[in-house]
N, C-alpha and C. Protein backbone atom coordinates (compact mmCIF):
# COMPACT_ATOMS: atom_id res chain seq x y z
N UNK A 1 1.05 -0.84 0.00
CA UNK A 1 -0.01 0.15 0.16
C UNK A 1 1.01 1.35 -0.10
N UNK A 2 1.84 1.13 0.74
CA UNK A 2 2.88 2.24 0.83
C UNK A 2 3.35 2.38 -0.82
N UNK A 3 3.83 1.46 -0.97
CA UNK A 3 4.21 1.68 -2.63
C UNK A 3 3.47 2.35 -3.52
N UNK A 4 2.23 2.25 -3.29
CA UNK A 4 1.51 2.34 -4.70
C UNK A 4 1.34 4.44 -4.01
N UNK A 5 1.25 4.43 -2.43
CA UNK A 5 1.12 5.69 -2.59
C UNK A 5 2.33 6.69 -2.71
N UNK A 6 3.44 5.98 -3.27
CA UNK A 6 4.91 7.08 -3.12
C UNK A 6 4.60 6.79 -4.37
N UNK A 7 4.06 5.80 -5.50
CA UNK A 7 4.35 6.50 -6.76
C UNK A 7 3.42 7.24 -7.24
N UNK A 8 1.81 7.51 -6.29
CA UNK A 8 1.12 8.59 -6.52
C UNK A 8 1.70 9.64 -6.10
N UNK A 9 2.16 9.91 -4.96
CA UNK A 9 2.71 11.14 -4.58
C UNK A 9 3.98 11.62 -5.45
N UNK A 10 4.50 10.66 -5.87
CA UNK A 10 6.02 10.96 -7.09
C UNK A 10 5.10 11.72 -7.94
N UNK A 11 4.05 10.97 -8.57
CA UNK A 11 3.88 11.56 -9.80
C UNK A 11 2.81 13.13 -9.90
N UNK A 12 2.64 13.36 -8.29
CA UNK A 12 1.52 14.60 -8.09
C UNK A 12 2.75 15.76 -7.70
N UNK A 13 3.73 14.93 -7.30
CA UNK A 13 5.13 16.03 -6.80
C UNK A 13 5.92 16.56 -7.76
N UNK A 14 5.79 15.80 -9.08
CA UNK A 14 6.62 16.24 -10.45
C UNK A 14 5.99 17.89 -10.77
N UNK A 15 7.48 18.52 -10.32
CA UNK A 15 7.20 19.93 -11.18
C UNK A 15 7.44 20.90 -10.13
N UNK A 16 6.70 20.06 -9.03
CA UNK A 16 6.56 21.10 -7.57
C UNK A 16 7.64 22.37 -6.70
N UNK A 17 7.15 23.28 -6.54
CA UNK A 17 8.59 23.90 -6.07
C UNK A 17 8.40 23.19 -4.39
N UNK A 18 9.70 23.79 -4.28
CA UNK A 18 10.14 23.28 -2.81
C UNK A 18 8.89 23.98 -1.76
N UNK A 19 8.61 25.20 -2.09
CA UNK A 19 7.54 25.70 -1.13
C UNK A 19 6.44 24.89 -1.20
N UNK A 20 5.86 24.42 -2.20
CA UNK A 20 4.32 23.64 -2.06
C UNK A 20 5.06 22.06 -1.74
N UNK A 21 5.74 21.68 -1.79
CA UNK A 21 6.08 20.56 -1.06
C UNK A 21 6.45 20.28 0.28
N UNK A 22 6.74 21.70 0.98
CA UNK A 22 6.50 21.79 2.20
C UNK A 22 5.04 22.00 2.60
N UNK A 23 4.25 22.23 1.76
CA UNK A 23 2.91 22.38 2.43
C UNK A 23 2.30 20.72 2.93
N UNK A 24 2.75 19.92 1.84
CA UNK A 24 2.56 18.70 2.05
C UNK A 24 2.51 18.02 3.09
N UNK A 25 3.99 18.05 3.73
CA UNK A 25 4.11 17.76 5.23
C UNK A 25 3.55 18.51 6.26
N UNK A 26 3.56 17.55 7.57
CA UNK A 26 3.21 18.55 8.44
C UNK A 26 4.40 18.64 9.77
N UNK A 27 4.02 19.60 10.56
CA UNK A 27 4.90 19.50 11.93
C UNK A 27 5.45 18.38 12.34
N UNK A 28 4.44 17.35 12.69
CA UNK A 28 4.94 16.01 13.38
C UNK A 28 6.08 15.23 12.44
N UNK A 29 5.63 15.42 11.15
CA UNK A 29 6.60 14.45 10.56
C UNK A 29 8.00 15.27 10.46
N UNK A 30 7.60 16.51 10.44
CA UNK A 30 9.01 17.24 10.40
C UNK A 30 10.26 16.88 11.68
N UNK A 31 9.31 16.95 12.97
CA UNK A 31 9.93 16.36 13.92
C UNK A 31 10.23 15.50 14.24
N UNK A 32 9.86 13.84 13.54
CA UNK A 32 10.54 12.79 13.73
C UNK A 32 11.54 12.69 12.61
N UNK A 33 11.68 13.25 11.38
CA UNK A 33 12.36 13.77 10.43
C UNK A 33 13.99 13.95 11.22
N UNK A 34 13.27 14.77 11.85
CA UNK A 34 14.69 15.82 12.78
C UNK A 34 15.29 14.78 14.09
N UNK A 35 14.58 14.42 14.80
CA UNK A 35 14.24 13.27 15.66
C UNK A 35 15.43 12.09 15.30
N UNK A 36 15.05 12.10 14.28
CA UNK A 36 15.65 10.34 13.90
C UNK A 36 16.80 10.84 13.57
N UNK A 37 17.23 11.42 12.94
CA UNK A 37 18.45 12.47 12.45
C UNK A 37 19.56 12.70 13.75
N UNK A 38 18.76 13.45 14.47
CA UNK A 38 19.74 13.75 15.46
C UNK A 38 19.49 12.44 16.29
N UNK A 39 19.16 11.51 16.87
CA UNK A 39 19.26 10.35 17.10
C UNK A 39 20.38 9.83 16.63
N UNK A 40 20.51 9.65 15.52
CA UNK A 40 21.20 9.11 14.67
C UNK A 40 22.57 9.63 15.04
N UNK A 41 22.79 10.88 14.53
CA UNK A 41 24.24 11.81 14.92
C UNK A 41 24.84 11.55 16.23
N UNK A 42 23.47 11.45 16.94
CA UNK A 42 24.38 11.16 18.45
C UNK A 42 24.99 9.71 18.81
N UNK A 43 24.17 9.08 18.03
CA UNK A 43 24.78 7.43 17.79
C UNK A 43 25.88 7.45 17.32
N UNK A 44 25.73 7.51 16.41
CA UNK A 44 27.24 8.29 15.59
C UNK A 44 28.42 8.55 16.02
N UNK A 45 28.37 9.65 17.28
CA UNK A 45 28.99 9.93 17.72
C UNK A 45 29.85 9.30 18.90
N UNK A 46 29.05 8.78 19.30
CA UNK A 46 28.69 8.03 20.84
C UNK A 46 29.94 6.68 20.38
N UNK A 47 29.81 6.07 19.06
CA UNK A 47 30.35 5.11 18.69
C UNK A 47 31.63 5.77 18.28
N UNK A 48 31.63 6.84 17.43
CA UNK A 48 33.36 7.07 17.02
C UNK A 48 34.00 7.74 18.91
N UNK A 49 33.74 7.58 19.42
CA UNK A 49 33.91 7.90 21.03
C UNK A 49 34.64 6.63 21.20
N UNK A 50 34.07 5.63 21.37
CA UNK A 50 34.05 4.38 22.03
C UNK A 50 34.72 3.19 20.77
N UNK A 51 34.85 3.57 19.78
CA UNK A 51 35.58 2.80 18.73
C UNK A 51 37.18 2.55 18.87
N UNK A 52 37.69 3.60 19.27
CA UNK A 52 39.67 3.50 19.71
C UNK A 52 39.69 2.51 21.00
N UNK A 53 38.06 2.38 21.76
CA UNK A 53 38.43 1.25 22.94
C UNK A 53 38.54 -0.23 22.55
N UNK A 54 37.84 -0.29 21.68
CA UNK A 54 37.18 -1.91 21.42
C UNK A 54 38.46 -3.03 21.22
N UNK A 55 39.03 -3.59 21.84
CA UNK A 55 39.59 -5.12 22.02
C UNK A 55 39.46 -6.32 21.17
N UNK A 56 38.20 -6.57 20.85
CA UNK A 56 38.09 -8.13 20.70
C UNK A 56 37.66 -7.57 18.82
N UNK A 57 37.56 -8.25 18.02
CA UNK A 57 38.19 -8.54 16.63
C UNK A 57 36.75 -8.65 16.16
N UNK A 58 35.73 -9.50 16.90
CA UNK A 58 34.41 -9.28 16.29
C UNK A 58 33.46 -8.68 16.91
N UNK A 59 33.88 -7.66 17.60
CA UNK A 59 33.19 -6.21 18.12
C UNK A 59 33.73 -5.43 17.27
N UNK A 60 34.64 -5.62 16.93
CA UNK A 60 34.99 -4.50 15.24
C UNK A 60 34.27 -4.86 14.61
N UNK A 61 33.89 -5.80 14.00
CA UNK A 61 32.92 -5.81 12.85
C UNK A 61 31.83 -5.59 13.26
N UNK A 62 31.01 -5.82 14.46
CA UNK A 62 29.97 -5.44 14.70
C UNK A 62 29.83 -3.91 14.86
N UNK A 63 30.62 -3.53 15.36
CA UNK A 63 31.11 -1.87 15.17
C UNK A 63 31.09 -0.94 13.90
N UNK A 64 31.95 -2.13 13.34
CA UNK A 64 31.58 -1.50 11.43
C UNK A 64 30.50 -2.04 11.08
N UNK A 65 29.76 -2.65 11.28
CA UNK A 65 27.90 -2.44 10.87
C UNK A 65 27.21 -1.42 11.63
N UNK A 66 27.35 -1.61 12.85
CA UNK A 66 26.83 -0.27 12.99
C UNK A 66 26.73 1.09 13.03
N UNK A 67 28.21 1.27 12.60
CA UNK A 67 28.37 2.39 12.22
C UNK A 67 27.81 2.74 10.60
N UNK A 68 28.46 1.85 9.65
CA UNK A 68 27.92 1.72 8.33
C UNK A 68 26.28 2.06 8.54
N UNK A 69 25.73 1.30 9.16
CA UNK A 69 24.29 1.62 8.96
C UNK A 69 23.45 2.80 9.63
N UNK A 70 24.59 3.47 10.64
CA UNK A 70 24.07 4.45 10.88
C UNK A 70 24.50 6.07 10.21
N UNK A 71 25.39 5.30 8.79
CA UNK A 71 25.77 6.08 7.99
C UNK A 71 24.85 6.26 6.67
N UNK A 72 24.44 5.16 6.85
CA UNK A 72 23.10 5.32 5.39
C UNK A 72 21.96 6.10 6.07
N UNK A 73 21.55 5.85 7.10
CA UNK A 73 20.44 6.18 7.62
C UNK A 73 20.83 7.70 7.51
N UNK A 74 21.83 8.34 8.00
CA UNK A 74 21.99 10.16 8.53
C UNK A 74 21.65 10.55 6.68
N UNK A 75 22.27 9.42 5.96
CA UNK A 75 22.60 10.28 4.12
C UNK A 75 21.29 9.80 4.28
N UNK A 76 20.22 9.09 4.37
CA UNK A 76 18.88 8.87 3.98
C UNK A 76 17.82 10.15 4.60
N UNK A 77 17.89 10.35 5.74
CA UNK A 77 17.32 11.05 6.67
C UNK A 77 17.60 12.93 6.19
N UNK A 78 19.27 12.98 5.75
CA UNK A 78 19.43 14.13 5.11
C UNK A 78 19.23 14.24 3.86
N UNK A 79 18.40 13.29 3.04
CA UNK A 79 18.05 13.54 1.47
C UNK A 79 16.88 13.94 1.48
N UNK A 80 15.71 13.03 2.31
CA UNK A 80 14.39 13.76 2.72
C UNK A 80 14.57 15.21 3.18
N UNK A 81 15.36 15.60 4.38
CA UNK A 81 15.52 17.10 4.40
C UNK A 81 15.65 18.14 3.59
N UNK A 82 16.67 17.57 2.80
CA UNK A 82 17.12 18.69 1.70
C UNK A 82 15.64 18.67 0.49
N UNK A 83 15.21 17.04 0.25
CA UNK A 83 14.39 17.43 -0.73
C UNK A 83 13.24 18.40 0.06
N UNK A 84 12.73 18.80 1.34
CA UNK A 84 11.90 19.60 1.41
C UNK A 84 12.03 20.84 2.31
N UNK A 85 13.76 21.06 1.81
CA UNK A 85 14.46 22.16 2.08
C UNK A 85 14.28 22.05 3.74
N UNK A 86 14.43 21.23 4.76
CA UNK A 86 14.67 21.85 6.01
C UNK A 86 15.59 21.70 6.44
N UNK A 87 15.93 22.49 7.43
CA UNK A 87 17.30 23.23 8.01
C UNK A 87 18.01 21.60 9.06
N UNK A 88 19.26 21.72 8.23
CA UNK A 88 19.70 20.48 9.07
C UNK A 88 20.44 20.72 10.54
N UNK A 89 20.48 19.65 11.57
CA UNK A 89 21.08 20.01 12.99
C UNK A 89 22.89 19.70 12.31
N UNK A 90 23.27 20.06 13.50
CA UNK A 90 24.78 20.35 13.52
C UNK A 90 25.21 18.40 13.40
N UNK A 91 26.26 18.92 12.82
CA UNK A 91 26.92 16.84 12.20
C UNK A 91 28.07 16.79 13.48
N UNK A 92 28.19 15.59 14.44
CA UNK A 92 29.14 15.50 15.01
C UNK A 92 30.81 15.77 13.90
N UNK A 93 31.91 15.86 14.69
CA UNK A 93 32.88 15.85 13.95
C UNK A 93 33.15 14.64 13.17
N UNK A 94 33.82 14.11 12.23
CA UNK A 94 34.18 13.42 11.15
C UNK A 94 35.10 12.17 12.05
N UNK A 95 35.51 12.79 12.86
CA UNK A 95 36.30 11.68 13.50
C UNK A 95 36.76 12.10 15.11
N UNK A 96 36.44 11.26 16.13
CA UNK A 96 36.92 11.59 17.16
C UNK A 96 37.99 10.74 17.61
N UNK A 97 39.23 11.14 18.05
CA UNK A 97 40.34 10.60 18.09
C UNK A 97 40.47 10.61 19.81
N UNK A 98 40.73 9.96 20.54
CA UNK A 98 41.15 10.07 21.61
C UNK A 98 42.18 9.35 22.07
N UNK A 99 43.25 9.80 22.80
CA UNK A 99 44.47 9.35 23.09
C UNK A 99 44.35 8.51 24.70
N UNK A 100 43.63 9.03 25.46
CA UNK A 100 43.59 8.67 26.63
C UNK A 100 42.45 6.80 26.57
N UNK A 101 43.00 6.28 27.35
CA UNK A 101 42.33 4.87 26.90
C UNK A 101 41.61 4.27 28.51
N UNK A 102 40.36 4.55 28.22
CA UNK A 102 39.60 4.23 29.82
C UNK A 102 39.55 2.77 30.54
N UNK A 103 40.08 2.11 31.00
CA UNK A 103 40.50 0.66 31.53
C UNK A 103 38.72 0.41 31.99
N UNK A 104 38.14 1.36 32.56
CA UNK A 104 37.14 0.94 33.08
C UNK A 104 35.89 0.74 31.99
N UNK A 105 36.02 0.98 30.72
CA UNK A 105 35.03 0.42 29.92
C UNK A 105 35.98 -0.77 28.87
N UNK A 106 35.44 -1.84 29.13
CA UNK A 106 35.81 -2.90 28.64
C UNK A 106 34.71 -3.22 27.02
N UNK A 107 34.75 -4.24 26.93
CA UNK A 107 34.53 -4.80 25.29
C UNK A 107 32.73 -5.13 25.47
N UNK A 108 32.36 -5.65 26.79
CA UNK A 108 30.85 -5.64 27.17
C UNK A 108 30.38 -4.24 27.37
N UNK A 109 30.75 -3.79 27.85
CA UNK A 109 30.11 -1.99 28.02
C UNK A 109 29.78 -1.74 26.61
N UNK A 110 30.74 -1.81 26.00
CA UNK A 110 30.65 -1.16 24.46
C UNK A 110 29.97 -1.92 23.50
N UNK A 111 29.61 -3.67 23.82
CA UNK A 111 28.46 -4.21 22.63
C UNK A 111 26.65 -3.83 23.48
N UNK A 112 26.88 -3.78 24.92
CA UNK A 112 25.61 -2.97 25.71
C UNK A 112 25.05 -1.57 25.16
N UNK A 113 26.61 -0.67 24.52
CA UNK A 113 26.15 0.14 24.53
C UNK A 113 25.56 0.52 23.06
N UNK A 114 26.34 -0.46 21.80
CA UNK A 114 25.47 -0.69 20.32
C UNK A 114 24.27 -0.87 20.50
N UNK A 115 23.65 -1.78 21.51
CA UNK A 115 22.57 -2.55 21.71
C UNK A 115 21.58 -1.29 21.95
N UNK A 116 22.04 -0.48 23.02
CA UNK A 116 21.09 0.11 23.40
C UNK A 116 21.21 1.23 22.65
N UNK A 117 21.89 1.71 21.72
CA UNK A 117 21.97 2.92 20.62
C UNK A 117 21.15 2.22 19.10
N UNK A 118 21.13 0.78 19.37
CA UNK A 118 19.78 0.64 17.86
C UNK A 118 18.95 0.52 18.68
N UNK A 119 18.75 -0.12 19.80
CA UNK A 119 16.77 -0.31 20.57
C UNK A 119 16.60 0.87 20.82
N UNK A 120 17.05 2.14 20.70
CA UNK A 120 16.60 3.51 20.90
C UNK A 120 15.67 3.74 19.49
N UNK A 121 16.30 2.95 18.76
CA UNK A 121 15.16 4.00 17.22
C UNK A 121 14.65 2.98 17.18
N UNK A 122 13.80 2.18 17.82
CA UNK A 122 12.96 1.23 17.28
C UNK A 122 11.15 2.22 17.59
N UNK A 123 11.53 3.11 18.92
CA UNK A 123 10.00 3.62 19.21
C UNK A 123 10.10 4.61 18.79
N UNK A 124 11.04 5.49 18.00
CA UNK A 124 11.17 6.81 17.86
C UNK A 124 10.58 6.67 16.09
N UNK A 125 11.08 5.68 15.82
CA UNK A 125 10.78 4.86 14.24
C UNK A 125 9.33 4.72 14.03
N UNK A 126 8.57 4.07 14.58
CA UNK A 126 7.67 3.12 15.10
C UNK A 126 6.55 4.16 15.42
N UNK A 127 6.53 5.27 16.05
CA UNK A 127 5.63 5.98 16.18
C UNK A 127 5.91 7.26 15.21
N UNK A 128 7.09 8.06 14.60
CA UNK A 128 6.76 8.63 13.47
C UNK A 128 5.84 8.28 12.10
N UNK A 129 6.55 6.49 12.34
CA UNK A 129 5.79 6.05 11.07
C UNK A 129 4.22 5.83 11.23
N UNK A 130 3.93 6.13 12.26
CA UNK A 130 2.65 5.35 12.55
C UNK A 130 1.72 7.35 12.70
N UNK A 131 2.45 8.15 12.69
CA UNK A 131 2.24 9.57 13.20
C UNK A 131 1.72 10.40 11.80
N UNK A 132 3.05 9.48 10.94
CA UNK A 132 2.82 10.02 9.42
C UNK A 132 1.94 9.94 8.13
N UNK A 133 1.79 11.04 7.71
CA UNK A 133 0.45 10.94 6.73
C UNK A 133 1.03 11.17 5.16
N UNK A 134 2.05 11.40 5.23
CA UNK A 134 2.92 11.71 3.99
C UNK A 134 3.66 10.27 3.28
N UNK A 135 3.35 9.99 2.36
CA UNK A 135 3.81 8.34 1.99
C UNK A 135 5.28 8.50 1.43
N UNK A 136 5.76 9.79 1.24
CA UNK A 136 7.28 9.34 0.86
C UNK A 136 8.22 9.65 2.18
N UNK A 137 7.24 10.23 3.60
CA UNK A 137 8.23 10.44 4.92
C UNK A 137 8.10 8.73 5.55
N UNK A 138 6.76 8.03 5.19
CA UNK A 138 6.11 7.07 5.91
C UNK A 138 7.55 6.40 5.27
N UNK A 139 7.62 6.02 4.01
CA UNK A 139 8.80 5.19 3.17
C UNK A 139 9.98 5.42 3.56
N UNK A 140 10.70 6.45 3.99
CA UNK A 140 11.69 6.95 4.38
C UNK A 140 12.08 6.34 5.89
N UNK A 141 10.71 6.04 6.72
CA UNK A 141 10.77 5.96 8.19
C UNK A 141 10.44 4.31 7.84
N UNK A 142 9.95 3.75 7.26
CA UNK A 142 9.82 2.20 7.33
C UNK A 142 11.31 1.94 6.48
N UNK A 143 11.84 2.03 5.70
CA UNK A 143 12.98 1.67 5.47
C UNK A 143 14.16 1.52 6.29
N UNK A 144 13.86 2.45 7.52
CA UNK A 144 15.21 2.22 8.29
C UNK A 144 15.26 0.95 9.08
N UNK A 145 13.70 0.06 9.13
CA UNK A 145 13.71 -1.16 9.68
C UNK A 145 13.97 -2.30 8.87
N UNK A 146 14.62 -1.90 7.63
CA UNK A 146 15.32 -3.20 7.32
C UNK A 146 16.43 -3.14 6.92
């Protein structure tokens, strides 16, 4: 159903100005787009802080998958924001290098943090998807589950 609505919206949006596209989406959708993007940026910054403290090779693989998923999700949300000319939040630094190695933080704690970062998205994405009325926005939020 979402794909059919997406195609219909694509046809109706052809040739529309950004101002006309902004009238299609509502404030709640803008909030959830912003919220998902800010949450992903915060998660990326957290991953960048702890990535240099990982000692286990398997956890490095998990970290790379999590970081890759975050970067793809950030790009997707930024594409939606560009399409509707919405303001962007500040991005974290490209790399957070730290020369300090905290011995209190171990691989188990870092894995738990990765789990919590991923789990934090589900309520935001779910509520955003349920409250969204624009097929384009719904599709963008739905694609984060797969």
